[in-house]
PDB file of N, CA and C in Angstrom:
ATOM      1  N   MET A   1      66.866 132.508  80.155  1.00  0.00           N
ATOM      2  CA  MET A   1      66.424 132.657  81.515  1.00  0.00           C
ATOM      3  C   MET A   1      67.651 132.707  82.430  1.00  0.00           C
ATOM      4  N   SER A   2      67.660 133.600  83.350  1.00  0.00           N
ATOM      5  CA  SER A   2      68.782 133.792  84.268  1.00  0.00           C
ATOM      6  C   SER A   2      68.731 132.801  85.413  1.00  0.00           C
ATOM      7  N   ARG A   3      69.909 132.453  85.897  1.00  0.00           N
ATOM      8  CA  ARG A   3      70.019 131.593  87.080  1.00  0.00           C
ATOM      9  C   ARG A   3      70.903 132.300  88.098  1.00  0.00           C
ATOM     10  N   ILE A   4      70.680 131.989  89.329  1.00  0.00           N
ATOM     11  CA  ILE A   4      71.529 132.517  90.402  1.00  0.00           C
ATOM     12  C   ILE A   4      72.363 131.359  90.905  1.00  0.00           C
ATOM     13  N   ILE A   5      73.651 131.474  90.786  1.00  0.00           N
ATOM     14  CA  ILE A   5      74.559 130.401  91.173  1.00  0.00           C
ATOM     15  C   ILE A   5      75.210 130.748  92.500  1.00  0.00           C
ATOM     16  N   LEU A   6      75.042 129.848  93.462  1.00  0.00           N
ATOM     17  CA  LEU A   6      75.687 130.032  94.758  1.00  0.00           C
ATOM     18  C   LEU A   6      77.085 129.437  94.697  1.00  0.00           C
ATOM     19  N   PRO A   7      78.058 130.120  95.262  1.00  0.00           N
ATOM     20  CA  PRO A   7      79.430 129.609  95.222  1.00  0.00           C
ATOM     21  C   PRO A   7      79.588 128.349  96.070  1.00  0.00           C
ATOM     22  N   ARG A   8      80.504 127.499  95.655  1.00  0.00           N
ATOM     23  CA  ARG A   8      80.824 126.294  96.424  1.00  0.00           C
ATOM     24  C   ARG A   8      82.162 126.433  97.125  1.00  0.00           C
ATOM     25  N   ASN A   9      83.050 127.189  96.545  1.00  0.00           N
ATOM     26  CA  ASN A   9      84.363 127.405  97.141  1.00  0.00           C
ATOM     27  C   ASN A   9      84.209 128.253  98.399  1.00  0.00           C
ATOM     28  N   PRO A  10      84.765 127.795  99.526  1.00  0.00           N
ATOM     29  CA  PRO A  10      84.598 128.540 100.785  1.00  0.00           C
ATOM     30  C   PRO A  10      85.089 129.992 100.713  1.00  0.00           C
ATOM     31  N   ASP A  11      86.173 130.246 100.007  1.00  0.00           N
ATOM     32  CA  ASP A  11      86.651 131.628  99.897  1.00  0.00           C
ATOM     33  C   ASP A  11      85.667 132.489  99.108  1.00  0.00           C
ATOM     34  N   ASP A  12      85.026 131.899  98.114  1.00  0.00           N
ATOM     35  CA  ASP A  12      84.012 132.627  97.351  1.00  0.00           C
ATOM     36  C   ASP A  12      82.763 132.865  98.199  1.00  0.00           C
ATOM     37  N   VAL A  13      82.445 131.923  99.079  1.00  0.00           N
ATOM     38  CA  VAL A  13      81.305 132.106  99.992  1.00  0.00           C
ATOM     39  C   VAL A  13      81.605 133.255 100.949  1.00  0.00           C
ATOM     40  N   LEU A  14      82.838 133.314 101.450  1.00  0.00           N
ATOM     41  CA  LEU A  14      83.226 134.439 102.324  1.00  0.00           C
ATOM     42  C   LEU A  14      83.066 135.772 101.601  1.00  0.00           C
ATOM     43  N   ALA A  15      83.499 135.821 100.356  1.00  0.00           N
ATOM     44  CA  ALA A  15      83.377 137.059  99.575  1.00  0.00           C
ATOM     45  C   ALA A  15      81.915 137.433  99.379  1.00  0.00           C
ATOM     46  N   LEU A  16      81.063 136.437  99.110  1.00  0.00           N
ATOM     47  CA  LEU A  16      79.634 136.700  98.953  1.00  0.00           C
ATOM     48  C   LEU A  16      79.042 137.229 100.254  1.00  0.00           C
ATOM     49  N   MET A  17      79.387 136.596 101.365  1.00  0.00           N
ATOM     50  CA  MET A  17      78.867 137.044 102.662  1.00  0.00           C
ATOM     51  C   MET A  17      79.293 138.479 102.953  1.00  0.00           C
ATOM     52  N   ASP A  18      80.546 138.798 102.657  1.00  0.00           N
ATOM     53  CA  ASP A  18      81.056 140.155 102.876  1.00  0.00           C
ATOM     54  C   ASP A  18      80.250 141.156 102.045  1.00  0.00           C
ATOM     55  N   SER A  19      79.994 140.794 100.802  1.00  0.00           N
ATOM     56  CA  SER A  19      79.234 141.679  99.915  1.00  0.00           C
ATOM     57  C   SER A  19      77.799 141.859 100.417  1.00  0.00           C
ATOM     58  N   ILE A  20      77.189 140.776 100.850  1.00  0.00           N
ATOM     59  CA  ILE A  20      75.810 140.850 101.371  1.00  0.00           C
ATOM     60  C   ILE A  20      75.751 141.735 102.610  1.00  0.00           C
ATOM     61  N   ILE A  21      76.696 141.535 103.513  1.00  0.00           N
ATOM     62  CA  ILE A  21      76.712 142.334 104.748  1.00  0.00           C
ATOM     63  C   ILE A  21      76.853 143.820 104.432  1.00  0.00           C
ATOM     64  N   LYS A  22      77.779 144.147 103.541  1.00  0.00           N
ATOM     65  CA  LYS A  22      77.981 145.566 103.179  1.00  0.00           C
ATOM     66  C   LYS A  22      76.725 146.159 102.545  1.00  0.00           C
ATOM     67  N   LYS A  23      76.089 145.401 101.654  1.00  0.00           N
ATOM     68  CA  LYS A  23      74.884 145.907 100.987  1.00  0.00           C
ATOM     69  C   LYS A  23      73.746 146.083 101.987  1.00  0.00           C
ATOM     70  N   GLU A  24      73.551 145.086 102.841  1.00  0.00           N
ATOM     71  CA  GLU A  24      72.473 145.171 103.840  1.00  0.00           C
ATOM     72  C   GLU A  24      72.715 146.326 104.812  1.00  0.00           C
ATOM     73  N   GLU A  25      73.972 146.544 105.197  1.00  0.00           N
ATOM     74  CA  GLU A  25      74.273 147.665 106.097  1.00  0.00           C
ATOM     75  C   GLU A  25      74.028 149.005 105.411  1.00  0.00           C
ATOM     76  N   SER A  26      74.298 149.064 104.108  1.00  0.00           N
ATOM     77  CA  SER A  26      74.065 150.330 103.395  1.00  0.00           C
ATOM     78  C   SER A  26      72.568 150.629 103.247  1.00  0.00           C
ATOM     79  N   LEU A  27      71.739 149.596 103.315  1.00  0.00           N
ATOM     80  CA  LEU A  27      70.290 149.770 103.190  1.00  0.00           C
ATOM     81  C   LEU A  27      69.591 149.965 104.536  1.00  0.00           C
ATOM     82  N   ALA A  28      70.323 149.754 105.608  1.00  0.00           N
ATOM     83  CA  ALA A  28      69.721 149.800 106.954  1.00  0.00           C
ATOM     84  C   ALA A  28      69.012 151.126 107.165  1.00  0.00           C
ATOM     85  N   PRO A  29      67.889 151.123 107.790  1.00  0.00           N
ATOM     86  CA  PRO A  29      67.151 150.014 108.401  1.00  0.00           C
ATOM     87  C   PRO A  29      66.180 149.348 107.421  1.00  0.00           C
ATOM     88  N   ASN A  30      66.309 149.652 106.137  1.00  0.00           N
ATOM     89  CA  ASN A  30      65.368 149.122 105.151  1.00  0.00           C
ATOM     90  C   ASN A  30      65.918 147.913 104.380  1.00  0.00           C
ATOM     91  N   GLY A  31      66.858 147.198 104.965  1.00  0.00           N
ATOM     92  CA  GLY A  31      67.435 146.031 104.301  1.00  0.00           C
ATOM     93  C   GLY A  31      66.449 144.885 104.224  1.00  0.00           C
ATOM     94  N   ASN A  32      66.838 143.830 103.572  1.00  0.00           N
ATOM     95  CA  ASN A  32      65.976 142.664 103.378  1.00  0.00           C
ATOM     96  C   ASN A  32      66.117 141.624 104.492  1.00  0.00           C
ATOM     97  N   LEU A  33      67.183 141.728 105.267  1.00  0.00           N
ATOM     98  CA  LEU A  33      67.382 140.824 106.394  1.00  0.00           C
ATOM     99  C   LEU A  33      66.909 141.498 107.675  1.00  0.00           C
ATOM    100  N   SER A  34      66.389 140.704 108.576  1.00  0.00           N
ATOM    101  CA  SER A  34      66.018 141.258 109.883  1.00  0.00           C
ATOM    102  C   SER A  34      67.314 141.601 110.631  1.00  0.00           C
ATOM    103  N   ALA A  35      67.194 142.373 111.663  1.00  0.00           N
ATOM    104  CA  ALA A  35      68.372 142.745 112.456  1.00  0.00           C
ATOM    105  C   ALA A  35      69.051 141.497 113.029  1.00  0.00           C
ATOM    106  N   THR A  36      68.250 140.532 113.439  1.00  0.00           N
ATOM    107  CA  THR A  36      68.793 139.282 113.990  1.00  0.00           C
ATOM    108  C   THR A  36      69.523 138.490 112.913  1.00  0.00           C
ATOM    109  N   GLU A  37      68.937 138.385 111.726  1.00  0.00           N
ATOM    110  CA  GLU A  37      69.570 137.650 110.631  1.00  0.00           C
ATOM    111  C   GLU A  37      70.905 138.303 110.229  1.00  0.00           C
ATOM    112  N   LEU A  38      70.912 139.631 110.156  1.00  0.00           N
ATOM    113  CA  LEU A  38      72.144 140.336 109.796  1.00  0.00           C
ATOM    114  C   LEU A  38      73.200 140.129 110.876  1.00  0.00           C
ATOM    115  N   LYS A  39      72.780 140.213 112.120  1.00  0.00           N
ATOM    116  CA  LYS A  39      73.717 139.993 113.233  1.00  0.00           C
ATOM    117  C   LYS A  39      74.285 138.575 113.163  1.00  0.00           C
ATOM    118  N   ASP A  40      73.421 137.588 112.938  1.00  0.00           N
ATOM    119  CA  ASP A  40      73.871 136.197 112.833  1.00  0.00           C
ATOM    120  C   ASP A  40      74.815 136.005 111.647  1.00  0.00           C
ATOM    121  N   LEU A  41      74.485 136.602 110.517  1.00  0.00           N
ATOM    122  CA  LEU A  41      75.329 136.486 109.329  1.00  0.00           C
ATOM    123  C   LEU A  41      76.710 137.074 109.601  1.00  0.00           C
ATOM    124  N   LYS A  42      76.740 138.203 110.291  1.00  0.00           N
ATOM    125  CA  LYS A  42      78.020 138.830 110.643  1.00  0.00           C
ATOM    126  C   LYS A  42      78.832 137.933 111.581  1.00  0.00           C
ATOM    127  N   THR A  43      78.146 137.286 112.507  1.00  0.00           N
ATOM    128  CA  THR A  43      78.819 136.373 113.442  1.00  0.00           C
ATOM    129  C   THR A  43      79.399 135.180 112.688  1.00  0.00           C
ATOM    130  N   TYR A  44      78.612 134.582 111.785  1.00  0.00           N
ATOM    131  CA  TYR A  44      79.103 133.453 110.984  1.00  0.00           C
ATOM    132  C   TYR A  44      80.295 133.874 110.122  1.00  0.00           C
ATOM    133  N   TYR A  45      80.167 135.067 109.546  1.00  0.00           N
ATOM    134  CA  TYR A  45      81.244 135.590 108.698  1.00  0.00           C
ATOM    135  C   TYR A  45      82.520 135.780 109.517  1.00  0.00           C
ATOM    136  N   ALA A  46      82.408 136.402 110.668  1.00  0.00           N
ATOM    137  CA  ALA A  46      83.584 136.656 111.515  1.00  0.00           C
ATOM    138  C   ALA A  46      84.222 135.339 111.968  1.00  0.00           C
ATOM    139  N   THR A  47      83.404 134.371 112.323  1.00  0.00           N
ATOM    140  CA  THR A  47      83.910 133.063 112.751  1.00  0.00           C
ATOM    141  C   THR A  47      84.635 132.370 111.603  1.00  0.00           C
ATOM    142  N   ALA A  48      84.005 132.369 110.436  1.00  0.00           N
ATOM    143  CA  ALA A  48      84.603 131.721 109.265  1.00  0.00           C
ATOM    144  C   ALA A  48      85.887 132.430 108.840  1.00  0.00           C
ATOM    145  N   LEU A  49      85.882 133.747 108.862  1.00  0.00           N
ATOM    146  CA  LEU A  49      87.064 134.508 108.454  1.00  0.00           C
ATOM    147  C   LEU A  49      88.230 134.257 109.413  1.00  0.00           C
ATOM    148  N   ALA A  50      87.950 134.243 110.707  1.00  0.00           N
ATOM    149  CA  ALA A  50      89.004 133.970 111.695  1.00  0.00           C
ATOM    150  C   ALA A  50      89.554 132.558 111.516  1.00  0.00           C
ATOM    151  N   ALA A  51      88.673 131.598 111.260  1.00  0.00           N
ATOM    152  CA  ALA A  51      89.107 130.217 111.053  1.00  0.00           C
ATOM    153  C   ALA A  51      89.951 130.111 109.783  1.00  0.00           C
ATOM    154  N   ARG A  52      89.560 130.820 108.749  1.00  0.00           N
ATOM    155  CA  ARG A  52      90.317 130.793 107.481  1.00  0.00           C
ATOM    156  C   ARG A  52      91.708 131.377 107.682  1.00  0.00           C
ATOM    157  N   LYS A  53      91.802 132.485 108.405  1.00  0.00           N
ATOM    158  CA  LYS A  53      93.115 133.084 108.658  1.00  0.00           C
ATOM    159  C   LYS A  53      93.992 132.131 109.463  1.00  0.00           C
ATOM    160  N   GLN A  54      93.408 131.478 110.453  1.00  0.00           N
ATOM    161  CA  GLN A  54      94.141 130.502 111.265  1.00  0.00           C
ATOM    162  C   GLN A  54      94.562 129.315 110.399  1.00  0.00           C
ATOM    163  N   GLN A  55      93.672 128.889 109.508  1.00  0.00           N
ATOM    164  CA  GLN A  55      93.973 127.774 108.611  1.00  0.00           C
ATOM    165  C   GLN A  55      95.176 128.104 107.728  1.00  0.00           C
ATOM    166  N   ILE A  56      95.211 129.289 107.182  1.00  0.00           N
ATOM    167  CA  ILE A  56      96.324 129.710 106.327  1.00  0.00           C
ATOM    168  C   ILE A  56      97.620 129.742 107.132  1.00  0.00           C
ATOM    169  N   LEU A  57      97.560 130.293 108.331  1.00  0.00           N
ATOM    170  CA  LEU A  57      98.737 130.362 109.190  1.00  0.00           C
ATOM    171  C   LEU A  57      99.265 128.962 109.507  1.00  0.00           C
ATOM    172  N   LEU A  58      98.365 128.071 109.904  1.00  0.00           N
ATOM    173  CA  LEU A  58      98.776 126.707 110.255  1.00  0.00           C
ATOM    174  C   LEU A  58      99.276 125.940 109.034  1.00  0.00           C
ATOM    175  N   TYR A  59      98.661 126.170 107.892  1.00  0.00           N
ATOM    176  CA  TYR A  59      99.120 125.515 106.656  1.00  0.00           C
ATOM    177  C   TYR A  59     100.546 125.948 106.335  1.00  0.00           C
ATOM    178  N   ASN A  60     100.814 127.238 106.446  1.00  0.00           N
ATOM    179  CA  ASN A  60     102.165 127.744 106.172  1.00  0.00           C
ATOM    180  C   ASN A  60     103.168 127.185 107.183  1.00  0.00           C
ATOM    181  N   GLN A  61     102.762 127.118 108.450  1.00  0.00           N
ATOM    182  CA  GLN A  61     103.643 126.543 109.468  1.00  0.00           C
ATOM    183  C   GLN A  61     103.892 125.062 109.190  1.00  0.00           C
ATOM    184  N   ALA A  62     102.868 124.351 108.752  1.00  0.00           N
ATOM    185  CA  ALA A  62     103.017 122.923 108.441  1.00  0.00           C
ATOM    186  C   ALA A  62     103.982 122.728 107.282  1.00  0.00           C
ATOM    187  N   GLU A  63     103.905 123.596 106.280  1.00  0.00           N
ATOM    188  CA  GLU A  63     104.844 123.509 105.153  1.00  0.00           C
ATOM    189  C   GLU A  63     106.278 123.734 105.619  1.00  0.00           C
ATOM    190  N   GLU A  64     106.473 124.735 106.473  1.00  0.00           N
ATOM    191  CA  GLU A  64     107.812 125.023 106.997  1.00  0.00           C
ATOM    192  C   GLU A  64     108.339 123.855 107.823  1.00  0.00           C
ATOM    193  N   GLN A  65     107.475 123.284 108.658  1.00  0.00           N
ATOM    194  CA  GLN A  65     107.892 122.161 109.490  1.00  0.00           C
ATOM    195  C   GLN A  65     108.187 120.921 108.646  1.00  0.00           C
ATOM    196  N   THR A  66     107.430 120.711 107.591  1.00  0.00           N
ATOM    197  CA  THR A  66     107.685 119.582 106.690  1.00  0.00           C
ATOM    198  C   THR A  66     109.049 119.743 106.026  1.00  0.00           C
ATOM    199  N   LYS A  67     109.378 120.951 105.600  1.00  0.00           N
ATOM    200  CA  LYS A  67     110.695 121.194 104.993  1.00  0.00           C
ATOM    201  C   LYS A  67     111.811 120.946 106.005  1.00  0.00           C
ATOM    202  N   ALA A  68     111.639 121.423 107.226  1.00  0.00           N
ATOM    203  CA  ALA A  68     112.653 121.219 108.264  1.00  0.00           C
ATOM    204  C   ALA A  68     112.817 119.724 108.567  1.00  0.00           C
ATOM    205  N   TYR A  69     111.708 119.029 108.643  1.00  0.00           N
ATOM    206  CA  TYR A  69     111.689 117.585 108.904  1.00  0.00           C
ATOM    207  C   TYR A  69     112.436 116.832 107.803  1.00  0.00           C
ATOM    208  N   GLU A  70     112.098 117.117 106.557  1.00  0.00           N
ATOM    209  CA  GLU A  70     112.731 116.437 105.432  1.00  0.00           C
ATOM    210  C   GLU A  70     114.200 116.822 105.279  1.00  0.00           C
ATOM    211  N   ASN A  71     114.528 118.083 105.555  1.00  0.00           N
ATOM    212  CA  ASN A  71     115.928 118.512 105.465  1.00  0.00           C
ATOM    213  C   ASN A  71     116.787 117.818 106.510  1.00  0.00           C
ATOM    214  N   ALA A  72     116.268 117.691 107.729  1.00  0.00           N
ATOM    215  CA  ALA A  72     117.020 117.026 108.789  1.00  0.00           C
ATOM    216  C   ALA A  72     117.246 115.558 108.458  1.00  0.00           C
ATOM    217  N   LEU A  73     116.207 114.902 107.954  1.00  0.00           N
ATOM    218  CA  LEU A  73     116.325 113.492 107.602  1.00  0.00           C
ATOM    219  C   LEU A  73     117.144 113.281 106.332  1.00  0.00           C
ATOM    220  N   GLY A  74     117.091 114.244 105.440  1.00  0.00           N
ATOM    221  CA  GLY A  74     117.772 114.099 104.158  1.00  0.00           C
ATOM    222  C   GLY A  74     116.953 113.323 103.149  1.00  0.00           C
ATOM    223  N   THR A  75     115.669 113.157 103.415  1.00  0.00           N
ATOM    224  CA  THR A  75     114.832 112.360 102.512  1.00  0.00           C
ATOM    225  C   THR A  75     114.662 113.003 101.148  1.00  0.00           C
ATOM    226  N   ASP A  76     114.833 114.300 101.072  1.00  0.00           N
ATOM    227  CA  ASP A  76     114.686 114.965  99.784  1.00  0.00           C
ATOM    228  C   ASP A  76     116.030 115.214  99.107  1.00  0.00           C
ATOM    229  N   ALA A  77     117.119 114.767  99.735  1.00  0.00           N
ATOM    230  CA  ALA A  77     118.454 114.986  99.169  1.00  0.00           C
ATOM    231  C   ALA A  77     118.690 114.039  98.002  1.00  0.00           C
ATOM    232  N   LYS A  78     119.185 114.584  96.905  1.00  0.00           N
ATOM    233  CA  LYS A  78     119.480 113.775  95.728  1.00  0.00           C
ATOM    234  C   LYS A  78     120.789 113.012  95.914  1.00  0.00           C
ATOM    235  N   ILE A  79     121.721 113.613  96.627  1.00  0.00           N
ATOM    236  CA  ILE A  79     122.995 112.961  96.904  1.00  0.00           C
ATOM    237  C   ILE A  79     123.248 113.008  98.403  1.00  0.00           C
ATOM    238  N   ASP A  80     124.039 112.040  98.875  1.00  0.00           N
ATOM    239  CA  ASP A  80     124.379 112.018 100.297  1.00  0.00           C
ATOM    240  C   ASP A  80     125.495 113.031 100.523  1.00  0.00           C
ATOM    241  N   GLN A  81     125.219 113.998 101.349  1.00  0.00           N
ATOM    242  CA  GLN A  81     126.218 115.019 101.645  1.00  0.00           C
ATOM    243  C   GLN A  81     126.075 115.441 103.099  1.00  0.00           C
ATOM    244  N   PRO A  82     127.146 115.968 103.680  1.00  0.00           N
ATOM    245  CA  PRO A  82     127.053 116.402 105.079  1.00  0.00           C
ATOM    246  C   PRO A  82     125.915 117.419 105.249  1.00  0.00           C
ATOM    247  N   GLY A  83     125.300 117.364 106.415  1.00  0.00           N
ATOM    248  CA  GLY A  83     124.248 118.332 106.703  1.00  0.00           C
ATOM    249  C   GLY A  83     122.895 117.694 106.915  1.00  0.00           C
ATOM    250  N   ASN A  84     122.842 116.371 106.895  1.00  0.00           N
ATOM    251  CA  ASN A  84     121.580 115.708 107.186  1.00  0.00           C
ATOM    252  C   ASN A  84     121.837 114.286 107.679  1.00  0.00           C
ATOM    253  N   ALA A  85     120.812 113.676 108.217  1.00  0.00           N
ATOM    254  CA  ALA A  85     120.928 112.331 108.774  1.00  0.00           C
ATOM    255  C   ALA A  85     121.235 111.291 107.705  1.00  0.00           C
ATOM    256  N   LYS A  86     120.737 111.494 106.496  1.00  0.00           N
ATOM    257  CA  LYS A  86     120.960 110.524 105.426  1.00  0.00           C
ATOM    258  C   LYS A  86     122.446 110.305 105.176  1.00  0.00           C
ATOM    259  N   TYR A  87     123.212 111.366 105.250  1.00  0.00           N
ATOM    260  CA  TYR A  87     124.654 111.273 105.038  1.00  0.00           C
ATOM    261  C   TYR A  87     125.275 110.330 106.071  1.00  0.00           C
ATOM    262  N   ILE A  88     124.826 110.438 107.299  1.00  0.00           N
ATOM    263  CA  ILE A  88     125.390 109.620 108.380  1.00  0.00           C
ATOM    264  C   ILE A  88     124.928 108.173 108.256  1.00  0.00           C
ATOM    265  N   TYR A  89     123.621 107.956 108.059  1.00  0.00           N
ATOM    266  CA  TYR A  89     123.178 106.564 108.037  1.00  0.00           C
ATOM    267  C   TYR A  89     123.565 105.825 106.762  1.00  0.00           C
ATOM    268  N   THR A  90     123.747 106.523 105.650  1.00  0.00           N
ATOM    269  CA  THR A  90     124.249 105.818 104.461  1.00  0.00           C
ATOM    270  C   THR A  90     125.734 105.507 104.619  1.00  0.00           C
ATOM    271  N   GLY A  91     126.455 106.381 105.309  1.00  0.00           N
ATOM    272  CA  GLY A  91     127.864 106.100 105.598  1.00  0.00           C
ATOM    273  C   GLY A  91     127.996 104.883 106.506  1.00  0.00           C
ATOM    274  N   LEU A  92     127.139 104.816 107.524  1.00  0.00           N
ATOM    275  CA  LEU A  92     127.141 103.656 108.412  1.00  0.00           C
ATOM    276  C   LEU A  92     126.808 102.391 107.627  1.00  0.00           C
ATOM    277  N   ARG A  93     125.812 102.485 106.760  1.00  0.00           N
ATOM    278  CA  ARG A  93     125.452 101.337 105.925  1.00  0.00           C
ATOM    279  C   ARG A  93     126.649 100.843 105.131  1.00  0.00           C
ATOM    280  N   ASP A  94     127.400 101.781 104.550  1.00  0.00           N
ATOM    281  CA  ASP A  94     128.563 101.414 103.740  1.00  0.00           C
ATOM    282  C   ASP A  94     129.655 100.759 104.590  1.00  0.00           C
ATOM    283  N   ILE A  95     129.878 101.295 105.782  1.00  0.00           N
ATOM    284  CA  ILE A  95     130.884 100.721 106.686  1.00  0.00           C
ATOM    285  C   ILE A  95     130.468  99.312 107.100  1.00  0.00           C
ATOM    286  N   LEU A  96     129.215  99.165 107.516  1.00  0.00           N
ATOM    287  CA  LEU A  96     128.729  97.858 107.945  1.00  0.00           C
ATOM    288  C   LEU A  96     128.716  96.855 106.791  1.00  0.00           C
ATOM    289  N   ALA A  97     128.343  97.294 105.611  1.00  0.00           N
ATOM    290  CA  ALA A  97     128.328  96.407 104.448  1.00  0.00           C
ATOM    291  C   ALA A  97     129.743  95.941 104.122  1.00  0.00           C
ATOM    292  N   GLY A  98     130.723  96.844 104.290  1.00  0.00           N
ATOM    293  CA  GLY A  98     132.112  96.461 104.051  1.00  0.00           C
ATOM    294  C   GLY A  98     132.608  95.455 105.073  1.00  0.00           C
ATOM    295  N   LYS A  99     132.205  95.617 106.312  1.00  0.00           N
ATOM    296  CA  LYS A  99     132.638  94.712 107.381  1.00  0.00           C
ATOM    297  C   LYS A  99     131.910  93.368 107.331  1.00  0.00           C
ATOM    298  N   ASN A 100     130.729  93.361 106.761  1.00  0.00           N
ATOM    299  CA  ASN A 100     129.894  92.153 106.769  1.00  0.00           C
ATOM    300  C   ASN A 100     129.544  91.704 105.349  1.00  0.00           C
ATOM    301  N   LYS A 101     130.526  91.751 104.449  1.00  0.00           N
ATOM    302  CA  LYS A 101     130.270  91.413 103.047  1.00  0.00           C
ATOM    303  C   LYS A 101     129.635  90.043 102.882  1.00  0.00           C
ATOM    304  N   SER A 102     130.044  89.100 103.683  1.00  0.00           N
ATOM    305  CA  SER A 102     129.542  87.740 103.526  1.00  0.00           C
ATOM    306  C   SER A 102     128.188  87.537 104.205  1.00  0.00           C
ATOM    307  N   ASN A 103     127.774  88.464 105.024  1.00  0.00           N
ATOM    308  CA  ASN A 103     126.502  88.315 105.728  1.00  0.00           C
ATOM    309  C   ASN A 103     125.838  89.683 105.903  1.00  0.00           C
ATOM    310  N   LEU A 104     125.302  90.207 104.824  1.00  0.00           N
ATOM    311  CA  LEU A 104     124.667  91.533 104.869  1.00  0.00           C
ATOM    312  C   LEU A 104     123.430  91.560 105.765  1.00  0.00           C
ATOM    313  N   LYS A 105     122.889  90.383 106.066  1.00  0.00           N
ATOM    314  CA  LYS A 105     121.717  90.333 106.944  1.00  0.00           C
ATOM    315  C   LYS A 105     122.020  90.913 108.323  1.00  0.00           C
ATOM    316  N   MET A 106     123.289  90.968 108.686  1.00  0.00           N
ATOM    317  CA  MET A 106     123.689  91.549 109.975  1.00  0.00           C
ATOM    318  C   MET A 106     123.243  93.014 110.081  1.00  0.00           C
ATOM    319  N   LEU A 107     123.124  93.665 108.935  1.00  0.00           N
ATOM    320  CA  LEU A 107     122.714  95.071 108.954  1.00  0.00           C
ATOM    321  C   LEU A 107     121.291  95.249 109.493  1.00  0.00           C
ATOM    322  N   ALA A 108     120.515  94.185 109.450  1.00  0.00           N
ATOM    323  CA  ALA A 108     119.156  94.249 109.995  1.00  0.00           C
ATOM    324  C   ALA A 108     119.182  94.526 111.493  1.00  0.00           C
ATOM    325  N   ASP A 109     120.278  94.146 112.166  1.00  0.00           N
ATOM    326  CA  ASP A 109     120.403  94.435 113.599  1.00  0.00           C
ATOM    327  C   ASP A 109     120.414  95.938 113.866  1.00  0.00           C
ATOM    328  N   TRP A 110     120.803  96.727 112.885  1.00  0.00           N
ATOM    329  CA  TRP A 110     120.817  98.190 113.010  1.00  0.00           C
ATOM    330  C   TRP A 110     119.515  98.796 112.497  1.00  0.00           C
ATOM    331  N   GLY A 111     118.640  97.957 111.956  1.00  0.00           N
ATOM    332  CA  GLY A 111     117.364  98.451 111.454  1.00  0.00           C
ATOM    333  C   GLY A 111     117.294  98.585 109.942  1.00  0.00           C
ATOM    334  N   PHE A 112     118.378  98.259 109.247  1.00  0.00           N
ATOM    335  CA  PHE A 112     118.360  98.343 107.791  1.00  0.00           C
ATOM    336  C   PHE A 112     117.504  97.218 107.225  1.00  0.00           C
ATOM    337  N   ASP A 113     116.829  97.497 106.145  1.00  0.00           N
ATOM    338  CA  ASP A 113     116.014  96.504 105.458  1.00  0.00           C
ATOM    339  C   ASP A 113     116.919  95.791 104.459  1.00  0.00           C
ATOM    340  N   VAL A 114     117.160  94.506 104.683  1.00  0.00           N
ATOM    341  CA  VAL A 114     118.053  93.729 103.824  1.00  0.00           C
ATOM    342  C   VAL A 114     117.202  92.745 103.030  1.00  0.00           C
ATOM    343  N   VAL A 115     117.310  92.817 101.723  1.00  0.00           N
ATOM    344  CA  VAL A 115     116.519  91.981 100.836  1.00  0.00           C
ATOM    345  C   VAL A 115     117.421  90.941 100.196  1.00  0.00           C
ATOM    346  N   ASP A 116     116.977  89.695 100.179  1.00  0.00           N
ATOM    347  CA  ASP A 116     117.758  88.598  99.609  1.00  0.00           C
ATOM    348  C   ASP A 116     117.432  88.366  98.141  1.00  0.00           C
ATOM    349  N   GLU A 117     117.559  89.353  97.340  1.00  0.00           N
ATOM    350  CA  GLU A 117     117.335  89.173  95.911  1.00  0.00           C
ATOM    351  C   GLU A 117     118.266  90.087  95.150  1.00  0.00           C
ATOM    352  N   ALA A 118     118.522  89.739  93.933  1.00  0.00           N
ATOM    353  CA  ALA A 118     119.406  90.548  93.097  1.00  0.00           C
ATOM    354  C   ALA A 118     118.728  91.876  92.788  1.00  0.00           C
ATOM    355  N   ALA A 119     119.538  92.882  92.683  1.00  0.00           N
ATOM    356  CA  ALA A 119     119.004  94.195  92.337  1.00  0.00           C
ATOM    357  C   ALA A 119     118.407  94.138  90.942  1.00  0.00           C
ATOM    358  N   PRO A 120     117.318  94.864  90.708  1.00  0.00           N
ATOM    359  CA  PRO A 120     116.718  94.836  89.372  1.00  0.00           C
ATOM    360  C   PRO A 120     117.693  95.404  88.341  1.00  0.00           C
ATOM    361  N   LYS A 121     117.696  94.795  87.180  1.00  0.00           N
ATOM    362  CA  LYS A 121     118.597  95.252  86.110  1.00  0.00           C
ATOM    363  C   LYS A 121     118.042  96.539  85.513  1.00  0.00           C
ATOM    364  N   LYS A 122     118.959  97.417  85.222  1.00  0.00           N
ATOM    365  CA  LYS A 122     118.566  98.674  84.597  1.00  0.00           C
ATOM    366  C   LYS A 122     118.322  98.419  83.121  1.00  0.00           C
ATOM    367  N   PRO A 123     117.253  98.988  82.565  1.00  0.00           N
ATOM    368  CA  PRO A 123     116.989  98.773  81.143  1.00  0.00           C
ATOM    369  C   PRO A 123     118.060  99.455  80.301  1.00  0.00           C
ATOM    370  N   LYS A 124     118.416  98.802  79.208  1.00  0.00           N
ATOM    371  CA  LYS A 124     119.413  99.375  78.292  1.00  0.00           C
ATOM    372  C   LYS A 124     118.744 100.477  77.473  1.00  0.00           C
ATOM    373  N   ASN A 125     119.512 101.516  77.245  1.00  0.00           N
ATOM    374  CA  ASN A 125     118.980 102.617  76.417  1.00  0.00           C
ATOM    375  C   ASN A 125     118.864 102.142  74.977  1.00  0.00           C
ATOM    376  N   ALA A 126     117.773 102.461  74.363  1.00  0.00           N
ATOM    377  CA  ALA A 126     117.536 102.013  72.975  1.00  0.00           C
ATOM    378  C   ALA A 126     118.249 102.897  71.996  1.00  0.00           C
TER     379      ALA A 126
END
């Protein structure tokens, strides 16, 4: 027995709507939808399609802005090197740590998070 499966993915729903509109228009005036239903379907389709295009544009812009944000901060940098904020603030950390060896808590005045515990030991390679 055959089943009719309605799409759940919004892009697949758009494709289905496009196909329905084209088929109904090719059958006009003998289509299965009333003129009002076809007009409404076209309006919903146009609204959804415009929103989808805007969504794609904004998503791409958000990705670009995220890359610019992370590059400026240096949060994605594997090593500290000139060209981002991480290079500057890790250099400052090193200078301040050198000047305040006996009291690293002073670095908290600059906003650094200072923890009073030994660094975790690295596991030995087996």
